[in-house]
Amino acid sequence: MTAYDRPIPIYKHAPTAGSYLGIPIDAHDPRYAEALVDARAFGVAGENYYARTDDRNTPYDAVVTGAVRELWCRQSIVAMLVEANKRLAEYDAEVYLLDAGCLPASPVGLLLAQIPQRNSAR
């Protein structure tokens, strides 16, 4: 059976981004301590949406406080992305990575970015 042969499941409550909160993090797993590397240093294209400098990251339209420019990923994930790019090359395509990671300050930056600045000239 292929993915095309299976019906699309109907959920009473569709999964959300918050669904990951119930997944425990195993600090004893070797991947927990794996080195983070910038994916671009290994030829993986991409950018962090919240660190864009061209004002094209709606609704913020500016770099968000705490956002990082690097595409930090676990080394093993970058190796998989590099392998995927090798396979995609024959189709003249590549992986484009968005938002590999963010600093803890980013949620605060996102919140502040949503609060309109008061005009001090009043």
PDB file of N, CA and C in Angstrom:
ATOM      1  N   MET A   1       0.847  -1.185   0.000  1.00  0.00           N
ATOM      2  CA  MET A   1       0.000   0.000   0.000  1.00  0.00           C
ATOM      3  C   MET A   1       0.890   1.245   0.000  1.00  0.00           C
ATOM      4  N   THR A   2       0.601   2.178  -0.864  1.00  0.00           N
ATOM      5  CA  THR A   2       1.345   3.433  -0.907  1.00  0.00           C
ATOM      6  C   THR A   2       0.535   4.524  -0.224  1.00  0.00           C
ATOM      7  N   ALA A   3       1.153   5.656  -0.025  1.00  0.00           N
ATOM      8  CA  ALA A   3       0.470   6.784   0.612  1.00  0.00           C
ATOM      9  C   ALA A   3      -0.764   7.197  -0.185  1.00  0.00           C
ATOM     10  N   TYR A   4      -0.739   6.985  -1.487  1.00  0.00           N
ATOM     11  CA  TYR A   4      -1.860   7.386  -2.329  1.00  0.00           C
ATOM     12  C   TYR A   4      -3.041   6.428  -2.210  1.00  0.00           C
ATOM     13  N   ASP A   5      -2.791   5.221  -1.713  1.00  0.00           N
ATOM     14  CA  ASP A   5      -3.849   4.230  -1.572  1.00  0.00           C
ATOM     15  C   ASP A   5      -4.622   4.369  -0.268  1.00  0.00           C
ATOM     16  N   ARG A   6      -4.070   5.120   0.665  1.00  0.00           N
ATOM     17  CA  ARG A   6      -4.706   5.251   1.972  1.00  0.00           C
ATOM     18  C   ARG A   6      -5.625   6.454   2.004  1.00  0.00           C
ATOM     19  N   PRO A   7      -6.774   6.316   2.671  1.00  0.00           N
ATOM     20  CA  PRO A   7      -7.644   7.489   2.799  1.00  0.00           C
ATOM     21  C   PRO A   7      -7.035   8.509   3.751  1.00  0.00           C
ATOM     22  N   ILE A   8      -7.387   9.756   3.550  1.00  0.00           N
ATOM     23  CA  ILE A   8      -6.928  10.818   4.444  1.00  0.00           C
ATOM     24  C   ILE A   8      -7.696  10.694   5.746  1.00  0.00           C
ATOM     25  N   PRO A   9      -7.004  10.575   6.882  1.00  0.00           N
ATOM     26  CA  PRO A   9      -7.725  10.418   8.152  1.00  0.00           C
ATOM     27  C   PRO A   9      -8.487  11.686   8.518  1.00  0.00           C
ATOM     28  N   ILE A  10      -9.622  11.488   9.147  1.00  0.00           N
ATOM     29  CA  ILE A  10     -10.423  12.613   9.609  1.00  0.00           C
ATOM     30  C   ILE A  10     -10.276  12.675  11.125  1.00  0.00           C
ATOM     31  N   TYR A  11      -9.808  13.799  11.625  1.00  0.00           N
ATOM     32  CA  TYR A  11      -9.592  13.987  13.054  1.00  0.00           C
ATOM     33  C   TYR A  11     -10.728  14.815  13.636  1.00  0.00           C
ATOM     34  N   LYS A  12     -11.192  14.422  14.822  1.00  0.00           N
ATOM     35  CA  LYS A  12     -12.162  15.265  15.515  1.00  0.00           C
ATOM     36  C   LYS A  12     -11.507  16.592  15.874  1.00  0.00           C
ATOM     37  N   HIS A  13     -10.282  16.495  16.355  1.00  0.00           N
ATOM     38  CA  HIS A  13      -9.502  17.674  16.708  1.00  0.00           C
ATOM     39  C   HIS A  13      -8.165  17.539  15.994  1.00  0.00           C
ATOM     40  N   ALA A  14      -7.947  18.368  15.012  1.00  0.00           N
ATOM     41  CA  ALA A  14      -6.717  18.284  14.227  1.00  0.00           C
ATOM     42  C   ALA A  14      -5.506  18.541  15.113  1.00  0.00           C
ATOM     43  N   PRO A  15      -4.376  17.861  14.822  1.00  0.00           N
ATOM     44  CA  PRO A  15      -3.163  18.121  15.591  1.00  0.00           C
ATOM     45  C   PRO A  15      -2.720  19.572  15.420  1.00  0.00           C
ATOM     46  N   THR A  16      -2.129  20.115  16.448  1.00  0.00           N
ATOM     47  CA  THR A  16      -1.651  21.492  16.397  1.00  0.00           C
ATOM     48  C   THR A  16      -0.178  21.526  16.727  1.00  0.00           C
ATOM     49  N   ALA A  17       0.398  22.710  16.637  1.00  0.00           N
ATOM     50  CA  ALA A  17       1.816  22.863  16.977  1.00  0.00           C
ATOM     51  C   ALA A  17       2.059  22.523  18.436  1.00  0.00           C
ATOM     52  N   GLY A  18       1.047  22.655  19.268  1.00  0.00           N
ATOM     53  CA  GLY A  18       1.202  22.338  20.684  1.00  0.00           C
ATOM     54  C   GLY A  18       1.230  20.850  20.979  1.00  0.00           C
ATOM     55  N   SER A  19       0.949  20.008  19.977  1.00  0.00           N
ATOM     56  CA  SER A  19       0.893  18.571  20.187  1.00  0.00           C
ATOM     57  C   SER A  19       2.227  17.984  20.634  1.00  0.00           C
ATOM     58  N   TYR A  20       3.325  18.649  20.372  1.00  0.00           N
ATOM     59  CA  TYR A  20       4.641  18.126  20.721  1.00  0.00           C
ATOM     60  C   TYR A  20       4.904  18.205  22.224  1.00  0.00           C
ATOM     61  N   LEU A  21       4.131  18.976  22.963  1.00  0.00           N
ATOM     62  CA  LEU A  21       4.400  19.190  24.382  1.00  0.00           C
ATOM     63  C   LEU A  21       4.321  17.910  25.208  1.00  0.00           C
ATOM     64  N   GLY A  22       3.568  16.928  24.746  1.00  0.00           N
ATOM     65  CA  GLY A  22       3.433  15.680  25.484  1.00  0.00           C
ATOM     66  C   GLY A  22       4.546  14.686  25.211  1.00  0.00           C
ATOM     67  N   ILE A  23       5.456  15.024  24.331  1.00  0.00           N
ATOM     68  CA  ILE A  23       6.550  14.111  23.988  1.00  0.00           C
ATOM     69  C   ILE A  23       7.704  14.358  24.947  1.00  0.00           C
ATOM     70  N   PRO A  24       8.071  13.333  25.739  1.00  0.00           N
ATOM     71  CA  PRO A  24       9.154  13.543  26.700  1.00  0.00           C
ATOM     72  C   PRO A  24      10.515  13.676  26.009  1.00  0.00           C
ATOM     73  N   ILE A  25      11.386  14.456  26.600  1.00  0.00           N
ATOM     74  CA  ILE A  25      12.752  14.619  26.089  1.00  0.00           C
ATOM     75  C   ILE A  25      13.656  13.714  26.913  1.00  0.00           C
ATOM     76  N   ASP A  26      14.371  12.841  26.226  1.00  0.00           N
ATOM     77  CA  ASP A  26      15.261  11.896  26.895  1.00  0.00           C
ATOM     78  C   ASP A  26      16.672  12.473  26.915  1.00  0.00           C
ATOM     79  N   ALA A  27      17.068  13.014  28.058  1.00  0.00           N
ATOM     80  CA  ALA A  27      18.398  13.635  28.182  1.00  0.00           C
ATOM     81  C   ALA A  27      19.516  12.599  28.137  1.00  0.00           C
ATOM     82  N   HIS A  28      19.167  11.316  28.179  1.00  0.00           N
ATOM     83  CA  HIS A  28      20.185  10.255  28.117  1.00  0.00           C
ATOM     84  C   HIS A  28      20.407   9.765  26.687  1.00  0.00           C
ATOM     85  N   ASP A  29      19.571  10.191  25.764  1.00  0.00           N
ATOM     86  CA  ASP A  29      19.728   9.827  24.362  1.00  0.00           C
ATOM     87  C   ASP A  29      20.960  10.548  23.833  1.00  0.00           C
ATOM     88  N   PRO A  30      21.822   9.864  23.077  1.00  0.00           N
ATOM     89  CA  PRO A  30      23.037  10.517  22.558  1.00  0.00           C
ATOM     90  C   PRO A  30      22.752  11.763  21.715  1.00  0.00           C
ATOM     91  N   ARG A  31      21.603  11.819  21.084  1.00  0.00           N
ATOM     92  CA  ARG A  31      21.270  12.980  20.250  1.00  0.00           C
ATOM     93  C   ARG A  31      21.058  14.233  21.092  1.00  0.00           C
ATOM     94  N   TYR A  32      20.741  14.055  22.357  1.00  0.00           N
ATOM     95  CA  TYR A  32      20.508  15.192  23.250  1.00  0.00           C
ATOM     96  C   TYR A  32      21.758  16.070  23.363  1.00  0.00           C
ATOM     97  N   ALA A  33      22.921  15.430  23.358  1.00  0.00           N
ATOM     98  CA  ALA A  33      24.190  16.152  23.510  1.00  0.00           C
ATOM     99  C   ALA A  33      24.902  16.372  22.171  1.00  0.00           C
ATOM    100  N   GLU A  34      24.211  16.072  21.080  1.00  0.00           N
ATOM    101  CA  GLU A  34      24.842  16.184  19.764  1.00  0.00           C
ATOM    102  C   GLU A  34      25.169  17.645  19.434  1.00  0.00           C
ATOM    103  N   ALA A  35      26.293  17.837  18.757  1.00  0.00           N
ATOM    104  CA  ALA A  35      26.736  19.182  18.388  1.00  0.00           C
ATOM    105  C   ALA A  35      25.749  19.840  17.436  1.00  0.00           C
ATOM    106  N   LEU A  36      25.556  21.140  17.640  1.00  0.00           N
ATOM    107  CA  LEU A  36      24.763  21.934  16.707  1.00  0.00           C
ATOM    108  C   LEU A  36      25.711  22.582  15.710  1.00  0.00           C
ATOM    109  N   VAL A  37      25.322  22.557  14.454  1.00  0.00           N
ATOM    110  CA  VAL A  37      26.131  23.165  13.396  1.00  0.00           C
ATOM    111  C   VAL A  37      25.221  24.044  12.548  1.00  0.00           C
ATOM    112  N   ASP A  38      25.809  25.021  11.883  1.00  0.00           N
ATOM    113  CA  ASP A  38      25.049  25.872  10.973  1.00  0.00           C
ATOM    114  C   ASP A  38      24.890  25.110   9.662  1.00  0.00           C
ATOM    115  N   ALA A  39      23.652  24.779   9.315  1.00  0.00           N
ATOM    116  CA  ALA A  39      23.382  23.976   8.116  1.00  0.00           C
ATOM    117  C   ALA A  39      23.951  24.609   6.854  1.00  0.00           C
ATOM    118  N   ARG A  40      24.014  25.942   6.799  1.00  0.00           N
ATOM    119  CA  ARG A  40      24.542  26.604   5.596  1.00  0.00           C
ATOM    120  C   ARG A  40      26.011  26.300   5.382  1.00  0.00           C
ATOM    121  N   ALA A  41      26.741  26.037   6.464  1.00  0.00           N
ATOM    122  CA  ALA A  41      28.166  25.705   6.332  1.00  0.00           C
ATOM    123  C   ALA A  41      28.355  24.380   5.591  1.00  0.00           C
ATOM    124  N   PHE A  42      27.276  23.595   5.471  1.00  0.00           N
ATOM    125  CA  PHE A  42      27.345  22.306   4.787  1.00  0.00           C
ATOM    126  C   PHE A  42      26.593  22.346   3.455  1.00  0.00           C
ATOM    127  N   GLY A  43      26.259  23.562   3.002  1.00  0.00           N
ATOM    128  CA  GLY A  43      25.631  23.725   1.698  1.00  0.00           C
ATOM    129  C   GLY A  43      24.119  23.653   1.698  1.00  0.00           C
ATOM    130  N   VAL A  44      23.490  23.621   2.853  1.00  0.00           N
ATOM    131  CA  VAL A  44      22.030  23.595   2.911  1.00  0.00           C
ATOM    132  C   VAL A  44      21.525  25.041   2.863  1.00  0.00           C
ATOM    133  N   ALA A  45      20.679  25.325   1.906  1.00  0.00           N
ATOM    134  CA  ALA A  45      20.147  26.681   1.743  1.00  0.00           C
ATOM    135  C   ALA A  45      19.053  26.942   2.769  1.00  0.00           C
ATOM    136  N   GLY A  46      18.881  28.215   3.098  1.00  0.00           N
ATOM    137  CA  GLY A  46      17.787  28.563   3.989  1.00  0.00           C
ATOM    138  C   GLY A  46      18.027  29.853   4.729  1.00  0.00           C
ATOM    139  N   GLU A  47      17.076  30.168   5.602  1.00  0.00           N
ATOM    140  CA  GLU A  47      17.158  31.372   6.421  1.00  0.00           C
ATOM    141  C   GLU A  47      16.211  31.212   7.597  1.00  0.00           C
ATOM    142  N   ASN A  48      16.463  31.967   8.620  1.00  0.00           N
ATOM    143  CA  ASN A  48      15.544  32.009   9.750  1.00  0.00           C
ATOM    144  C   ASN A  48      14.565  33.145   9.511  1.00  0.00           C
ATOM    145  N   TYR A  49      13.304  32.796   9.435  1.00  0.00           N
ATOM    146  CA  TYR A  49      12.240  33.744   9.106  1.00  0.00           C
ATOM    147  C   TYR A  49      12.254  34.965  10.018  1.00  0.00           C
ATOM    148  N   TYR A  50      12.453  34.735  11.316  1.00  0.00           N
ATOM    149  CA  TYR A  50      12.389  35.832  12.276  1.00  0.00           C
ATOM    150  C   TYR A  50      13.636  36.713  12.255  1.00  0.00           C
ATOM    151  N   ALA A  51      14.673  36.303  11.539  1.00  0.00           N
ATOM    152  CA  ALA A  51      15.899  37.097  11.454  1.00  0.00           C
ATOM    153  C   ALA A  51      16.046  37.778  10.094  1.00  0.00           C
ATOM    154  N   ARG A  52      15.009  37.746   9.282  1.00  0.00           N
ATOM    155  CA  ARG A  52      15.078  38.377   7.957  1.00  0.00           C
ATOM    156  C   ARG A  52      15.296  39.873   8.097  1.00  0.00           C
ATOM    157  N   THR A  53      16.133  40.402   7.230  1.00  0.00           N
ATOM    158  CA  THR A  53      16.456  41.836   7.271  1.00  0.00           C
ATOM    159  C   THR A  53      15.792  42.611   6.135  1.00  0.00           C
ATOM    160  N   ASP A  54      14.985  41.929   5.325  1.00  0.00           N
ATOM    161  CA  ASP A  54      14.368  42.599   4.172  1.00  0.00           C
ATOM    162  C   ASP A  54      12.920  43.029   4.453  1.00  0.00           C
ATOM    163  N   ASP A  55      12.511  42.984   5.718  1.00  0.00           N
ATOM    164  CA  ASP A  55      11.155  43.371   6.122  1.00  0.00           C
ATOM    165  C   ASP A  55      10.070  42.521   5.468  1.00  0.00           C
ATOM    166  N   ARG A  56      10.408  41.306   5.035  1.00  0.00           N
ATOM    167  CA  ARG A  56       9.430  40.433   4.400  1.00  0.00           C
ATOM    168  C   ARG A  56       9.096  39.250   5.303  1.00  0.00           C
ATOM    169  N   ASN A  57       8.981  39.513   6.594  1.00  0.00           N
ATOM    170  CA  ASN A  57       8.577  38.465   7.531  1.00  0.00           C
ATOM    171  C   ASN A  57       7.305  38.919   8.257  1.00  0.00           C
ATOM    172  N   THR A  58       6.263  39.031   7.491  1.00  0.00           N
ATOM    173  CA  THR A  58       4.958  39.448   8.002  1.00  0.00           C
ATOM    174  C   THR A  58       4.548  38.544   9.163  1.00  0.00           C
ATOM    175  N   PRO A  59       3.974  39.050  10.207  1.00  0.00           N
ATOM    176  CA  PRO A  59       3.508  40.408  10.430  1.00  0.00           C
ATOM    177  C   PRO A  59       4.525  41.299  11.119  1.00  0.00           C
ATOM    178  N   TYR A  60       5.746  40.824  11.319  1.00  0.00           N
ATOM    179  CA  TYR A  60       6.731  41.571  12.110  1.00  0.00           C
ATOM    180  C   TYR A  60       7.453  42.627  11.291  1.00  0.00           C
ATOM    181  N   ASP A  61       7.757  42.321  10.044  1.00  0.00           N
ATOM    182  CA  ASP A  61       8.391  43.260   9.124  1.00  0.00           C
ATOM    183  C   ASP A  61       9.710  43.812   9.638  1.00  0.00           C
ATOM    184  N   ALA A  62      10.395  43.049  10.463  1.00  0.00           N
ATOM    185  CA  ALA A  62      11.703  43.450  10.991  1.00  0.00           C
ATOM    186  C   ALA A  62      12.326  42.241  11.690  1.00  0.00           C
ATOM    187  N   VAL A  63      13.597  42.346  11.987  1.00  0.00           N
ATOM    188  CA  VAL A  63      14.264  41.282  12.747  1.00  0.00           C
ATOM    189  C   VAL A  63      13.652  41.236  14.143  1.00  0.00           C
ATOM    190  N   VAL A  64      13.280  40.058  14.593  1.00  0.00           N
ATOM    191  CA  VAL A  64      12.673  39.890  15.910  1.00  0.00           C
ATOM    192  C   VAL A  64      13.773  39.737  16.959  1.00  0.00           C
ATOM    193  N   THR A  65      13.646  40.431  18.066  1.00  0.00           N
ATOM    194  CA  THR A  65      14.631  40.367  19.145  1.00  0.00           C
ATOM    195  C   THR A  65      14.875  38.919  19.545  1.00  0.00           C
ATOM    196  N   GLY A  66      16.148  38.528  19.574  1.00  0.00           N
ATOM    197  CA  GLY A  66      16.510  37.173  19.982  1.00  0.00           C
ATOM    198  C   GLY A  66      16.632  36.195  18.832  1.00  0.00           C
ATOM    199  N   ALA A  67      16.172  36.583  17.636  1.00  0.00           N
ATOM    200  CA  ALA A  67      16.272  35.689  16.485  1.00  0.00           C
ATOM    201  C   ALA A  67      17.733  35.545  16.067  1.00  0.00           C
ATOM    202  N   VAL A  68      18.109  34.351  15.645  1.00  0.00           N
ATOM    203  CA  VAL A  68      19.483  34.104  15.209  1.00  0.00           C
ATOM    204  C   VAL A  68      19.522  33.943  13.696  1.00  0.00           C
ATOM    205  N   ARG A  69      20.612  34.368  13.102  1.00  0.00           N
ATOM    206  CA  ARG A  69      20.761  34.267  11.644  1.00  0.00           C
ATOM    207  C   ARG A  69      21.198  32.870  11.221  1.00  0.00           C
ATOM    208  N   GLU A  70      21.936  32.178  12.091  1.00  0.00           N
ATOM    209  CA  GLU A  70      22.432  30.843  11.751  1.00  0.00           C
ATOM    210  C   GLU A  70      21.280  29.836  11.696  1.00  0.00           C
ATOM    211  N   LEU A  71      21.477  28.791  10.921  1.00  0.00           N
ATOM    212  CA  LEU A  71      20.508  27.695  10.836  1.00  0.00           C
ATOM    213  C   LEU A  71      21.031  26.534  11.683  1.00  0.00           C
ATOM    214  N   TRP A  72      20.974  26.687  12.994  1.00  0.00           N
ATOM    215  CA  TRP A  72      21.512  25.680  13.893  1.00  0.00           C
ATOM    216  C   TRP A  72      20.674  24.407  13.842  1.00  0.00           C
ATOM    217  N   CYS A  73      21.337  23.294  13.565  1.00  0.00           N
ATOM    218  CA  CYS A  73      20.700  21.972  13.531  1.00  0.00           C
ATOM    219  C   CYS A  73      21.656  20.957  14.143  1.00  0.00           C
ATOM    220  N   ARG A  74      21.074  19.862  14.621  1.00  0.00           N
ATOM    221  CA  ARG A  74      21.948  18.765  15.062  1.00  0.00           C
ATOM    222  C   ARG A  74      22.746  18.279  13.859  1.00  0.00           C
ATOM    223  N   GLN A  75      23.971  17.887  14.116  1.00  0.00           N
ATOM    224  CA  GLN A  75      24.870  17.451  13.049  1.00  0.00           C
ATOM    225  C   GLN A  75      24.271  16.303  12.238  1.00  0.00           C
ATOM    226  N   SER A  76      23.597  15.365  12.906  1.00  0.00           N
ATOM    227  CA  SER A  76      23.020  14.225  12.181  1.00  0.00           C
ATOM    228  C   SER A  76      21.872  14.662  11.269  1.00  0.00           C
ATOM    229  N   ILE A  77      21.131  15.679  11.668  1.00  0.00           N
ATOM    230  CA  ILE A  77      20.048  16.192  10.820  1.00  0.00           C
ATOM    231  C   ILE A  77      20.633  16.852   9.580  1.00  0.00           C
ATOM    232  N   VAL A  78      21.705  17.617   9.756  1.00  0.00           N
ATOM    233  CA  VAL A  78      22.354  18.256   8.612  1.00  0.00           C
ATOM    234  C   VAL A  78      22.865  17.196   7.636  1.00  0.00           C
ATOM    235  N   ALA A  79      23.411  16.106   8.158  1.00  0.00           N
ATOM    236  CA  ALA A  79      23.880  15.023   7.280  1.00  0.00           C
ATOM    237  C   ALA A  79      22.725  14.462   6.452  1.00  0.00           C
ATOM    238  N   MET A  80      21.550  14.335   7.050  1.00  0.00           N
ATOM    239  CA  MET A  80      20.377  13.848   6.307  1.00  0.00           C
ATOM    240  C   MET A  80      19.935  14.850   5.255  1.00  0.00           C
ATOM    241  N   LEU A  81      19.991  16.143   5.590  1.00  0.00           N
ATOM    242  CA  LEU A  81      19.606  17.178   4.626  1.00  0.00           C
ATOM    243  C   LEU A  81      20.569  17.213   3.442  1.00  0.00           C
ATOM    244  N   VAL A  82      21.860  17.037   3.722  1.00  0.00           N
ATOM    245  CA  VAL A  82      22.864  16.997   2.654  1.00  0.00           C
ATOM    246  C   VAL A  82      22.592  15.806   1.737  1.00  0.00           C
ATOM    247  N   GLU A  83      22.255  14.652   2.324  1.00  0.00           N
ATOM    248  CA  GLU A  83      21.939  13.462   1.531  1.00  0.00           C
ATOM    249  C   GLU A  83      20.676  13.702   0.697  1.00  0.00           C
ATOM    250  N   ALA A  84      19.677  14.346   1.288  1.00  0.00           N
ATOM    251  CA  ALA A  84      18.452  14.659   0.541  1.00  0.00           C
ATOM    252  C   ALA A  84      18.774  15.560  -0.648  1.00  0.00           C
ATOM    253  N   ASN A  85      19.663  16.532  -0.446  1.00  0.00           N
ATOM    254  CA  ASN A  85      20.048  17.424  -1.544  1.00  0.00           C
ATOM    255  C   ASN A  85      20.724  16.665  -2.673  1.00  0.00           C
ATOM    256  N   LYS A  86      21.534  15.668  -2.332  1.00  0.00           N
ATOM    257  CA  LYS A  86      22.189  14.859  -3.367  1.00  0.00           C
ATOM    258  C   LYS A  86      21.136  14.156  -4.222  1.00  0.00           C
ATOM    259  N   ARG A  87      20.108  13.639  -3.568  1.00  0.00           N
ATOM    260  CA  ARG A  87      19.057  12.929  -4.300  1.00  0.00           C
ATOM    261  C   ARG A  87      18.177  13.889  -5.107  1.00  0.00           C
ATOM    262  N   LEU A  88      17.992  15.089  -4.594  1.00  0.00           N
ATOM    263  CA  LEU A  88      17.158  16.076  -5.295  1.00  0.00           C
ATOM    264  C   LEU A  88      17.876  16.730  -6.469  1.00  0.00           C
ATOM    265  N   ALA A  89      19.213  16.669  -6.479  1.00  0.00           N
ATOM    266  CA  ALA A  89      19.998  17.359  -7.510  1.00  0.00           C
ATOM    267  C   ALA A  89      19.603  16.933  -8.918  1.00  0.00           C
ATOM    268  N   GLU A  90      19.280  15.655  -9.099  1.00  0.00           N
ATOM    269  CA  GLU A  90      18.914  15.200 -10.444  1.00  0.00           C
ATOM    270  C   GLU A  90      17.602  15.817 -10.926  1.00  0.00           C
ATOM    271  N   TYR A  91      16.821  16.376 -10.014  1.00  0.00           N
ATOM    272  CA  TYR A  91      15.569  17.057 -10.365  1.00  0.00           C
ATOM    273  C   TYR A  91      15.734  18.574 -10.354  1.00  0.00           C
ATOM    274  N   ASP A  92      16.992  19.013 -10.223  1.00  0.00           N
ATOM    275  CA  ASP A  92      17.302  20.445 -10.159  1.00  0.00           C
ATOM    276  C   ASP A  92      16.522  21.110  -9.019  1.00  0.00           C
ATOM    277  N   ALA A  93      16.525  20.440  -7.862  1.00  0.00           N
ATOM    278  CA  ALA A  93      15.819  20.939  -6.678  1.00  0.00           C
ATOM    279  C   ALA A  93      16.730  20.799  -5.470  1.00  0.00           C
ATOM    280  N   GLU A  94      16.375  21.466  -4.389  1.00  0.00           N
ATOM    281  CA  GLU A  94      17.138  21.363  -3.159  1.00  0.00           C
ATOM    282  C   GLU A  94      16.244  21.637  -1.961  1.00  0.00           C
ATOM    283  N   VAL A  95      16.703  21.230  -0.801  1.00  0.00           N
ATOM    284  CA  VAL A  95      16.022  21.524   0.455  1.00  0.00           C
ATOM    285  C   VAL A  95      16.240  22.994   0.768  1.00  0.00           C
ATOM    286  N   TYR A  96      15.200  23.665   1.236  1.00  0.00           N
ATOM    287  CA  TYR A  96      15.330  25.046   1.706  1.00  0.00           C
ATOM    288  C   TYR A  96      14.812  25.060   3.132  1.00  0.00           C
ATOM    289  N   LEU A  97      15.697  25.315   4.063  1.00  0.00           N
ATOM    290  CA  LEU A  97      15.395  25.204   5.483  1.00  0.00           C
ATOM    291  C   LEU A  97      14.974  26.550   6.054  1.00  0.00           C
ATOM    292  N   LEU A  98      13.858  26.556   6.753  1.00  0.00           N
ATOM    293  CA  LEU A  98      13.368  27.756   7.426  1.00  0.00           C
ATOM    294  C   LEU A  98      13.352  27.524   8.930  1.00  0.00           C
ATOM    295  N   ASP A  99      13.804  28.497   9.687  1.00  0.00           N
ATOM    296  CA  ASP A  99      13.671  28.478  11.141  1.00  0.00           C
ATOM    297  C   ASP A  99      14.204  27.216  11.789  1.00  0.00           C
ATOM    298  N   ALA A 100      15.490  26.980  11.627  1.00  0.00           N
ATOM    299  CA  ALA A 100      16.087  25.798  12.237  1.00  0.00           C
ATOM    300  C   ALA A 100      16.094  25.891  13.749  1.00  0.00           C
ATOM    301  N   GLY A 101      16.173  27.056  14.297  1.00  0.00           N
ATOM    302  CA  GLY A 101      16.191  27.196  15.749  1.00  0.00           C
ATOM    303  C   GLY A 101      16.057  28.638  16.160  1.00  0.00           C
ATOM    304  N   CYS A 102      15.792  28.841  17.437  1.00  0.00           N
ATOM    305  CA  CYS A 102      15.690  30.205  17.941  1.00  0.00           C
ATOM    306  C   CYS A 102      16.186  30.235  19.380  1.00  0.00           C
ATOM    307  N   LEU A 103      16.567  31.403  19.809  1.00  0.00           N
ATOM    308  CA  LEU A 103      16.994  31.577  21.189  1.00  0.00           C
ATOM    309  C   LEU A 103      15.780  31.732  22.088  1.00  0.00           C
ATOM    310  N   PRO A 104      15.930  31.447  23.381  1.00  0.00           N
ATOM    311  CA  PRO A 104      14.799  31.636  24.294  1.00  0.00           C
ATOM    312  C   PRO A 104      14.239  33.050  24.281  1.00  0.00           C
ATOM    313  N   ALA A 105      15.045  34.030  23.898  1.00  0.00           N
ATOM    314  CA  ALA A 105      14.559  35.413  23.872  1.00  0.00           C
ATOM    315  C   ALA A 105      13.553  35.645  22.741  1.00  0.00           C
ATOM    316  N   SER A 106      13.538  34.786  21.747  1.00  0.00           N
ATOM    317  CA  SER A 106      12.655  35.003  20.603  1.00  0.00           C
ATOM    318  C   SER A 106      11.182  35.098  20.974  1.00  0.00           C
ATOM    319  N   PRO A 107      10.626  34.235  21.845  1.00  0.00           N
ATOM    320  CA  PRO A 107       9.213  34.409  22.189  1.00  0.00           C
ATOM    321  C   PRO A 107       8.919  35.789  22.767  1.00  0.00           C
ATOM    322  N   VAL A 108       9.841  36.329  23.555  1.00  0.00           N
ATOM    323  CA  VAL A 108       9.672  37.681  24.089  1.00  0.00           C
ATOM    324  C   VAL A 108       9.726  38.681  22.942  1.00  0.00           C
ATOM    325  N   GLY A 109      10.663  38.469  22.036  1.00  0.00           N
ATOM    326  CA  GLY A 109      10.767  39.344  20.876  1.00  0.00           C
ATOM    327  C   GLY A 109       9.505  39.311  20.036  1.00  0.00           C
ATOM    328  N   LEU A 110       8.916  38.120  19.872  1.00  0.00           N
ATOM    329  CA  LEU A 110       7.669  38.005  19.113  1.00  0.00           C
ATOM    330  C   LEU A 110       6.546  38.764  19.802  1.00  0.00           C
ATOM    331  N   LEU A 111       6.479  38.645  21.106  1.00  0.00           N
ATOM    332  CA  LEU A 111       5.450  39.353  21.857  1.00  0.00           C
ATOM    333  C   LEU A 111       5.625  40.866  21.713  1.00  0.00           C
ATOM    334  N   LEU A 112       6.863  41.333  21.880  1.00  0.00           N
ATOM    335  CA  LEU A 112       7.124  42.766  21.771  1.00  0.00           C
ATOM    336  C   LEU A 112       6.850  43.279  20.362  1.00  0.00           C
ATOM    337  N   ALA A 113       7.128  42.454  19.362  1.00  0.00           N
ATOM    338  CA  ALA A 113       6.903  42.867  17.987  1.00  0.00           C
ATOM    339  C   ALA A 113       5.430  43.062  17.689  1.00  0.00           C
ATOM    340  N   GLN A 114       4.552  42.429  18.465  1.00  0.00           N
ATOM    341  CA  GLN A 114       3.114  42.549  18.231  1.00  0.00           C
ATOM    342  C   GLN A 114       2.517  43.772  18.921  1.00  0.00           C
ATOM    343  N   ILE A 115       3.246  44.361  19.857  1.00  0.00           N
ATOM    344  CA  ILE A 115       2.742  45.521  20.576  1.00  0.00           C
ATOM    345  C   ILE A 115       3.092  46.774  19.797  1.00  0.00           C
ATOM    346  N   PRO A 116       2.104  47.529  19.346  1.00  0.00           N
ATOM    347  CA  PRO A 116       2.408  48.741  18.573  1.00  0.00           C
ATOM    348  C   PRO A 116       3.220  49.732  19.390  1.00  0.00           C
ATOM    349  N   GLN A 117       4.188  50.362  18.753  1.00  0.00           N
ATOM    350  CA  GLN A 117       4.987  51.368  19.442  1.00  0.00           C
ATOM    351  C   GLN A 117       4.180  52.652  19.533  1.00  0.00           C
ATOM    352  N   ARG A 118       4.224  53.279  20.696  1.00  0.00           N
ATOM    353  CA  ARG A 118       3.496  54.546  20.868  1.00  0.00           C
ATOM    354  C   ARG A 118       4.296  55.679  20.225  1.00  0.00           C
ATOM    355  N   ASN A 119       3.591  56.580  19.640  1.00  0.00           N
ATOM    356  CA  ASN A 119       4.218  57.738  19.018  1.00  0.00           C
ATOM    357  C   ASN A 119       4.624  58.715  20.146  1.00  0.00           C
ATOM    358  N   SER A 120       5.925  58.884  20.339  1.00  0.00           N
ATOM    359  CA  SER A 120       6.410  59.743  21.424  1.00  0.00           C
ATOM    360  C   SER A 120       6.227  61.230  21.119  1.00  0.00           C
ATOM    361  N   ALA A 121       5.799  61.558  19.903  1.00  0.00           N
ATOM    362  CA  ALA A 121       5.645  62.965  19.519  1.00  0.00           C
ATOM    363  C   ALA A 121       4.269  63.524  19.894  1.00  0.00           C
ATOM    364  N   ARG A 122       3.442  62.761  20.607  1.00  0.00           N
ATOM    365  CA  ARG A 122       2.100  63.238  20.954  1.00  0.00           C
ATOM    366  C   ARG A 122       2.098  64.409  21.838  1.00  0.00           C
TER     367      ARG A 122
END
